[in-house]
């Protein structure tokens, strides 16, 4: 993502760094991040809605809505707000090809 991050860490890294990719770009999150936190620390959206292509960044942040669904490169889907970031995740802001 080339956009300005929506979330900015105010203190130094509170945990060990976790590498992941976002749309094929190498990124780093922190142990204890959710996928949503790690992605929004990189850019201003999790994905685009499949209905209108509007940017989405999460809504309820507790797993009750459908706003934070993301895809992994292998085709699996996950809720960004309630899924812990794992080292090596290959996240996509769109659906896999």
C-alpha atoms as a PDB file:
ATOM      1  CA  UNK A   1       0.000   0.000   0.000  1.00  0.00           C
ATOM      2  CA  UNK A   2       1.296   3.416  -0.836  1.00  0.00           C
ATOM      3  CA  UNK A   3      -1.189   5.303   1.302  1.00  0.00           C
ATOM      4  CA  UNK A   4      -0.649   6.843   4.693  1.00  0.00           C
ATOM      5  CA  UNK A   5      -1.248   4.394   7.572  1.00  0.00           C
ATOM      6  CA  UNK A   6      -4.548   4.722   9.394  1.00  0.00           C
ATOM      7  CA  UNK A   7      -2.960   3.528  12.673  1.00  0.00           C
ATOM      8  CA  UNK A   8       0.346   4.831  14.013  1.00  0.00           C
ATOM      9  CA  UNK A   9       2.207   3.209  16.900  1.00  0.00           C
ATOM     10  CA  UNK A  10       2.836   5.800  19.597  1.00  0.00           C
ATOM     11  CA  UNK A  11       5.419   3.812  21.529  1.00  0.00           C
ATOM     12  CA  UNK A  12       8.251   1.627  20.342  1.00  0.00           C
ATOM     13  CA  UNK A  13       7.530  -1.925  19.276  1.00  0.00           C
ATOM     14  CA  UNK A  14       5.963  -3.657  22.295  1.00  0.00           C
ATOM     15  CA  UNK A  15       6.760  -7.167  21.063  1.00  0.00           C
ATOM     16  CA  UNK A  16       8.866  -9.139  18.640  1.00  0.00           C
ATOM     17  CA  UNK A  17       8.527  -8.251  14.961  1.00  0.00           C
ATOM     18  CA  UNK A  18       6.415 -10.558  12.777  1.00  0.00           C
ATOM     19  CA  UNK A  19       7.044 -10.502   9.023  1.00  0.00           C
ATOM     20  CA  UNK A  20       4.075 -10.864   6.667  1.00  0.00           C
ATOM     21  CA  UNK A  21       3.194  -9.841   3.134  1.00  0.00           C
ATOM     22  CA  UNK A  22       0.361  -7.591   2.060  1.00  0.00           C
ATOM     23  CA  UNK A  23      -0.479  -7.895  -1.634  1.00  0.00           C
ATOM     24  CA  UNK A  24       3.015  -9.306  -2.148  1.00  0.00           C
ATOM     25  CA  UNK A  25       4.795  -6.445  -0.357  1.00  0.00           C
ATOM     26  CA  UNK A  26       6.978  -7.348   2.631  1.00  0.00           C
ATOM     27  CA  UNK A  27       5.658  -5.802   5.868  1.00  0.00           C
ATOM     28  CA  UNK A  28       6.271  -6.176   9.580  1.00  0.00           C
ATOM     29  CA  UNK A  29       3.770  -6.321  12.408  1.00  0.00           C
ATOM     30  CA  UNK A  30       4.286  -6.941  16.098  1.00  0.00           C
ATOM     31  CA  UNK A  31       3.601 -10.025  18.187  1.00  0.00           C
ATOM     32  CA  UNK A  32       0.159  -9.464  19.709  1.00  0.00           C
ATOM     33  CA  UNK A  33      -1.236  -7.557  16.696  1.00  0.00           C
ATOM     34  CA  UNK A  34      -4.456  -8.641  15.083  1.00  0.00           C
ATOM     35  CA  UNK A  35      -4.409  -8.802  11.295  1.00  0.00           C
ATOM     36  CA  UNK A  36      -6.497  -5.606  11.277  1.00  0.00           C
ATOM     37  CA  UNK A  37      -3.963  -3.722  13.425  1.00  0.00           C
ATOM     38  CA  UNK A  38      -0.985  -4.906  11.386  1.00  0.00           C
ATOM     39  CA  UNK A  39      -2.606  -4.015   8.047  1.00  0.00           C
ATOM     40  CA  UNK A  40      -3.892  -0.607   9.167  1.00  0.00           C
ATOM     41  CA  UNK A  41      -0.408   0.216  10.484  1.00  0.00           C
ATOM     42  CA  UNK A  42       0.710  -0.176   6.830  1.00  0.00           C
ATOM     43  CA  UNK A  43      -2.077   1.693   5.017  1.00  0.00           C
ATOM     44  CA  UNK A  44      -5.534   3.194   5.184  1.00  0.00           C
ATOM     45  CA  UNK A  45      -7.730   0.158   4.395  1.00  0.00           C
ATOM     46  CA  UNK A  46      -8.100  -3.581   4.817  1.00  0.00           C
ATOM     47  CA  UNK A  47      -9.803  -4.163   1.501  1.00  0.00           C
ATOM     48  CA  UNK A  48     -12.317  -2.795  -0.970  1.00  0.00           C
ATOM     49  CA  UNK A  49     -15.939  -3.860  -0.747  1.00  0.00           C
ATOM     50  CA  UNK A  50     -16.944  -6.227  -3.503  1.00  0.00           C
ATOM     51  CA  UNK A  51     -20.162  -4.274  -4.087  1.00  0.00           C
ATOM     52  CA  UNK A  52     -18.985  -0.713  -4.694  1.00  0.00           C
ATOM     53  CA  UNK A  53     -15.173  -0.902  -4.491  1.00  0.00           C
ATOM     54  CA  UNK A  54     -15.298   1.444  -1.468  1.00  0.00           C
ATOM     55  CA  UNK A  55     -12.369   1.152   0.939  1.00  0.00           C
ATOM     56  CA  UNK A  56     -13.130  -0.744   4.154  1.00  0.00           C
ATOM     57  CA  UNK A  57     -11.191  -0.542   7.433  1.00  0.00           C
ATOM     58  CA  UNK A  58     -13.312  -2.550   9.871  1.00  0.00           C
ATOM     59  CA  UNK A  59     -16.484  -1.509  11.632  1.00  0.00           C
ATOM     60  CA  UNK A  60     -17.448  -3.284  14.868  1.00  0.00           C
ATOM     61  CA  UNK A  61     -13.911  -4.516  15.696  1.00  0.00           C
ATOM     62  CA  UNK A  62     -15.305  -7.492  17.646  1.00  0.00           C
ATOM     63  CA  UNK A  63     -16.145 -10.075  14.971  1.00  0.00           C
ATOM     64  CA  UNK A  64     -19.876  -9.381  14.698  1.00  0.00           C
ATOM     65  CA  UNK A  65     -20.013  -7.703  11.282  1.00  0.00           C
ATOM     66  CA  UNK A  66     -18.603  -8.628   7.862  1.00  0.00           C
ATOM     67  CA  UNK A  67     -16.464  -5.529   7.299  1.00  0.00           C
ATOM     68  CA  UNK A  68     -13.001  -6.884   8.089  1.00  0.00           C
ATOM     69  CA  UNK A  69     -12.992 -10.107   6.042  1.00  0.00           C
ATOM     70  CA  UNK A  70      -9.676 -10.540   4.235  1.00  0.00           C
ATOM     71  CA  UNK A  71      -8.183 -13.239   2.047  1.00  0.00           C
ATOM     72  CA  UNK A  72      -4.967 -15.187   2.329  1.00  0.00           C
ATOM     73  CA  UNK A  73      -2.987 -15.989  -0.803  1.00  0.00           C
ATOM     74  CA  UNK A  74      -4.074 -19.645  -0.524  1.00  0.00           C
ATOM     75  CA  UNK A  75      -7.752 -18.633  -0.796  1.00  0.00           C
ATOM     76  CA  UNK A  76      -8.744 -18.936   2.862  1.00  0.00           C
ATOM     77  CA  UNK A  77     -10.675 -16.030   4.382  1.00  0.00           C
ATOM     78  CA  UNK A  78     -10.327 -14.591   7.869  1.00  0.00           C
ATOM     79  CA  UNK A  79     -11.723 -11.846  10.078  1.00  0.00           C
ATOM     80  CA  UNK A  80      -9.014  -9.221  10.430  1.00  0.00           C
ATOM     81  CA  UNK A  81     -10.299  -7.871  13.740  1.00  0.00           C
ATOM     82  CA  UNK A  82     -10.187 -11.155  15.628  1.00  0.00           C
ATOM     83  CA  UNK A  83      -7.392 -13.112  13.922  1.00  0.00           C
ATOM     84  CA  UNK A  84      -3.938 -12.842  15.504  1.00  0.00           C
ATOM     85  CA  UNK A  85      -1.159 -11.978  13.069  1.00  0.00           C
ATOM     86  CA  UNK A  86       1.181 -14.899  12.408  1.00  0.00           C
ATOM     87  CA  UNK A  87       4.658 -14.736  10.936  1.00  0.00           C
ATOM     88  CA  UNK A  88       4.641 -15.476   7.217  1.00  0.00           C
ATOM     89  CA  UNK A  89       0.972 -14.677   6.549  1.00  0.00           C
ATOM     90  CA  UNK A  90       0.339 -13.726   2.924  1.00  0.00           C
ATOM     91  CA  UNK A  91      -2.572 -11.284   3.136  1.00  0.00           C
ATOM     92  CA  UNK A  92      -4.505  -9.843   0.219  1.00  0.00           C
ATOM     93  CA  UNK A  93      -6.667  -6.732   0.112  1.00  0.00           C
ATOM     94  CA  UNK A  94      -8.678  -8.348  -2.693  1.00  0.00           C
ATOM     95  CA  UNK A  95      -9.721 -11.874  -3.607  1.00  0.00           C
ATOM     96  CA  UNK A  96      -7.032 -14.301  -4.804  1.00  0.00           C
ATOM     97  CA  UNK A  97      -6.759 -14.659  -8.573  1.00  0.00           C
END
